[in-house]
Amino acid sequence: MTDAMFDDTLLSDQDQDQNQDEDALVQEDRLWQANGWTARVIKNDEDEGWAVAMIKDGEPEPALVGPWTMGRDKKNPKPLDINAFNTLVKTANEVLRRHEQQLHAQLHKSVRVNTEGAAYITVNFDITPDEDEPYATLTAFDPYGEELAQVRALPTFKLSVASATAWIESGYRRPA
C-alpha cells in the first residue's frame, strides 16, 4: 500500500468518525436527545423541585413539562436514563396526539340528516383556519359518498341536524 493510498484511507476513516460524532446523540444526566426529542431537566421556578421539558425537534415550545424526581441527596434531580426518556417520549407523543384530535374535532364536524324513505344525507362542516381570513365549507354527501353540494360558509356557522336540514331544504344555498 502506498503512502498516498494510506493517507486517503486514514482521512476517510477520520471523516467517518467525525460524522459519527456529529450524529451522536446527547445522553447526559440533565439532557437527553434521541428519536426526534430532547428531554431537559430544569429547575422548577414554582417550588424547590425539578421539572422535565420534552421538546420535539424543530418545535419552539415544549410539548410536555412535568415534575421530575429528586435524587437521593434531595437537592439535585435524578439523572435521566433510557427508560425514563422512552417513557417521556411516549407520554409527550400521546399529549401531541390528543391535542391534534381536539383540534380536528374543533375544525371538522359532521351530522347525518334523515330524508324521505330510508335514505340520509351526511353534511360535513370543515373550518379552514387562517390568521387573516378563516372560512368554512359545508358539503353534502349522499349515502354512497357522492358529493351533492358544497358551499362556503362563515366559520361561526353552527352545524346541527336542524341547521343542516334547513340548508338542504333551501336547495343548498349559502347560509347567512
Protein backbone atom coordinates (compact mmCIF):
# COMPACT_ATOMS: atom_id res chain seq x y z
CA MET A 1 0.00 0.00 0.00
CA THR A 2 1.47 3.37 -0.95
CA ASP A 3 1.64 6.33 1.41
CA ALA A 4 -0.88 8.23 -0.72
CA MET A 5 -3.38 5.37 -0.51
CA PHE A 6 -2.81 5.08 3.23
CA ASP A 7 -3.35 8.84 3.72
CA ASP A 8 -6.63 8.72 1.75
CA THR A 9 -7.84 5.76 3.82
CA LEU A 10 -6.86 7.50 7.03
CA LEU A 11 -8.64 10.69 6.04
CA SER A 12 -11.83 8.90 5.07
CA ASP A 13 -11.81 7.00 8.38
CA GLN A 14 -11.34 10.29 10.26
CA ASP A 15 -14.17 11.87 8.27
CA GLN A 16 -16.42 8.93 9.13
CA ASP A 17 -15.51 9.17 12.81
CA GLN A 18 -16.22 12.92 12.76
CA ASN A 19 -19.60 12.37 11.06
CA GLN A 20 -20.49 9.72 13.63
CA ASP A 21 -19.58 12.15 16.43
CA GLU A 22 -21.84 14.81 14.87
CA ASP A 23 -24.67 12.28 14.59
CA ALA A 24 -24.13 11.04 18.16
CA LEU A 25 -26.98 11.92 20.45
CA VAL A 26 -26.59 13.72 23.75
CA GLN A 27 -27.19 11.48 26.74
CA GLU A 28 -26.34 13.38 29.89
CA ASP A 29 -27.83 13.46 33.38
CA ARG A 30 -29.98 16.53 32.65
CA LEU A 31 -30.14 16.48 28.84
CA TRP A 32 -31.10 13.55 26.66
CA GLN A 33 -31.68 13.60 22.89
CA ALA A 34 -32.93 10.76 20.71
CA ASN A 35 -35.79 9.76 18.40
CA GLY A 36 -36.57 13.36 17.44
CA TRP A 37 -36.99 14.51 21.04
CA THR A 38 -34.99 16.39 23.66
CA ALA A 39 -35.59 15.92 27.38
CA ARG A 40 -34.20 18.70 29.53
CA VAL A 41 -34.30 18.65 33.33
CA ILE A 42 -34.83 22.20 34.59
CA LYS A 43 -35.24 23.94 37.92
CA ASN A 44 -38.91 24.29 38.78
CA ASP A 45 -39.46 28.00 39.39
CA GLU A 46 -42.70 27.39 41.28
CA ASP A 47 -41.18 25.31 44.08
CA GLU A 48 -37.96 23.77 45.33
CA GLY A 49 -38.13 20.83 42.93
CA TRP A 50 -37.21 19.99 39.38
CA ALA A 51 -39.16 19.62 36.16
CA VAL A 52 -38.54 17.94 32.81
CA ALA A 53 -39.38 19.57 29.49
CA MET A 54 -39.93 17.42 26.40
CA ILE A 55 -39.26 19.30 23.16
CA LYS A 56 -39.91 17.78 19.74
CA ASP A 57 -37.13 18.54 17.25
CA GLY A 58 -37.91 21.68 15.28
CA GLU A 59 -40.55 22.95 17.70
CA PRO A 60 -40.03 26.18 19.65
CA GLU A 61 -42.07 25.18 22.71
CA PRO A 62 -42.10 22.04 24.84
CA ALA A 63 -44.86 19.54 24.12
CA LEU A 64 -44.80 18.46 27.76
CA VAL A 65 -43.47 19.90 31.01
CA GLY A 66 -43.88 17.89 34.18
CA PRO A 67 -42.37 17.35 37.60
CA TRP A 68 -39.10 15.45 37.84
CA THR A 69 -37.91 13.20 40.66
CA MET A 70 -35.36 14.39 43.18
CA GLY A 71 -32.13 12.45 43.53
CA ARG A 72 -31.02 10.64 46.66
CA ASP A 73 -29.41 13.78 48.08
CA LYS A 74 -32.83 15.52 47.99
CA LYS A 75 -31.20 18.55 46.35
CA ASN A 76 -30.35 17.57 42.79
CA PRO A 77 -32.55 15.91 40.19
CA LYS A 78 -32.44 12.21 39.46
CA PRO A 79 -30.37 11.66 36.28
CA LEU A 80 -32.17 10.88 33.04
CA ASP A 81 -31.78 7.35 31.70
CA ILE A 82 -33.02 5.42 28.68
CA ASN A 83 -36.11 4.01 30.42
CA ALA A 84 -37.22 7.38 31.76
CA PHE A 85 -36.54 9.02 28.40
CA ASN A 86 -38.56 6.42 26.50
CA THR A 87 -41.48 6.87 28.91
CA LEU A 88 -41.28 10.65 28.48
CA VAL A 89 -41.25 10.32 24.67
CA LYS A 90 -44.33 8.07 24.80
CA THR A 91 -46.16 10.50 27.10
CA ALA A 92 -45.23 13.54 25.00
CA ASN A 93 -46.40 11.78 21.81
CA GLU A 94 -49.72 10.99 23.50
CA VAL A 95 -50.12 14.64 24.52
CA LEU A 96 -49.49 15.77 20.94
CA ARG A 97 -51.91 13.16 19.57
CA ARG A 98 -54.67 14.28 21.97
CA HIS A 99 -54.03 17.90 21.01
CA GLU A 100 -54.31 17.02 17.30
CA GLN A 101 -57.54 15.08 17.94
CA GLN A 102 -59.01 18.01 19.85
CA LEU A 103 -58.05 20.44 17.08
CA HIS A 104 -59.53 18.12 14.45
CA ALA A 105 -62.79 17.90 16.44
CA GLN A 106 -62.98 21.69 16.61
CA LEU A 107 -62.38 22.15 12.89
CA HIS A 108 -64.39 19.23 11.45
CA LYS A 109 -67.97 18.35 12.30
CA SER A 110 -70.44 16.03 10.64
CA VAL A 111 -74.17 15.29 11.01
CA ARG A 112 -76.49 12.86 9.29
CA VAL A 113 -79.90 14.09 8.17
CA ASN A 114 -82.62 11.52 7.51
CA THR A 115 -84.55 12.13 4.32
CA GLU A 116 -87.73 10.61 2.96
CA GLY A 117 -87.59 6.84 2.87
CA ALA A 118 -84.55 5.13 4.35
CA ALA A 119 -82.04 7.50 2.75
CA TYR A 120 -79.91 10.07 4.53
CA ILE A 121 -77.59 12.91 3.67
CA THR A 122 -74.32 13.47 5.51
CA VAL A 123 -73.35 17.11 5.97
CA ASN A 124 -69.75 17.97 6.81
CA PHE A 125 -68.61 21.31 8.17
CA ASP A 126 -64.88 21.98 7.80
CA ILE A 127 -63.19 25.11 9.10
CA THR A 128 -60.02 26.26 7.39
CA PRO A 129 -58.09 28.28 9.95
CA ASP A 130 -56.31 31.29 8.54
CA GLU A 131 -54.94 34.22 10.50
CA ASP A 132 -56.31 36.76 8.03
CA GLU A 133 -59.49 35.19 6.65
CA PRO A 134 -60.67 31.92 8.18
CA TYR A 135 -63.52 30.26 6.33
CA ALA A 136 -65.57 27.09 6.39
CA THR A 137 -67.04 24.71 3.86
CA LEU A 138 -70.37 22.91 4.05
CA THR A 139 -70.51 19.74 1.98
CA ALA A 140 -73.45 17.35 1.49
CA PHE A 141 -72.98 13.67 0.56
CA ASP A 142 -75.49 11.01 -0.40
CA PRO A 143 -75.44 7.57 1.31
CA TYR A 144 -72.89 6.34 -1.26
CA GLY A 145 -70.43 9.14 -0.56
CA GLU A 146 -71.19 11.10 -3.72
CA GLU A 147 -70.98 14.86 -3.25
CA LEU A 148 -74.34 16.56 -3.66
CA ALA A 149 -73.35 20.16 -2.94
CA GLN A 150 -70.62 22.31 -1.47
CA VAL A 151 -70.70 25.96 -0.40
CA ARG A 152 -68.51 28.30 1.56
CA ALA A 153 -69.81 29.33 4.97
CA LEU A 154 -68.75 31.50 7.84
CA PRO A 155 -66.54 29.70 10.37
CA THR A 156 -69.03 30.76 13.04
CA PHE A 157 -71.81 28.67 11.44
CA LYS A 158 -73.26 26.23 13.98
CA LEU A 159 -73.75 22.82 12.43
CA SER A 160 -76.63 20.79 13.85
CA VAL A 161 -79.22 18.46 12.39
CA ALA A 162 -81.65 21.40 12.30
CA SER A 163 -79.23 23.78 10.52
CA ALA A 164 -78.18 21.03 8.08
CA THR A 165 -81.83 20.24 7.33
CA ALA A 166 -82.53 23.93 6.71
CA TRP A 167 -79.53 24.11 4.35
CA ILE A 168 -80.72 21.06 2.40
CA GLU A 169 -84.29 22.37 2.20
CA SER A 170 -83.02 25.74 0.90
CA GLY A 171 -81.60 23.94 -2.12
CA TYR A 172 -78.07 24.11 -0.68
CA ARG A 173 -77.90 27.90 -0.80
CA ARG A 174 -75.12 29.53 1.14
CA PRO A 175 -76.28 30.03 4.74
CA ALA A 176 -76.46 33.58 6.02
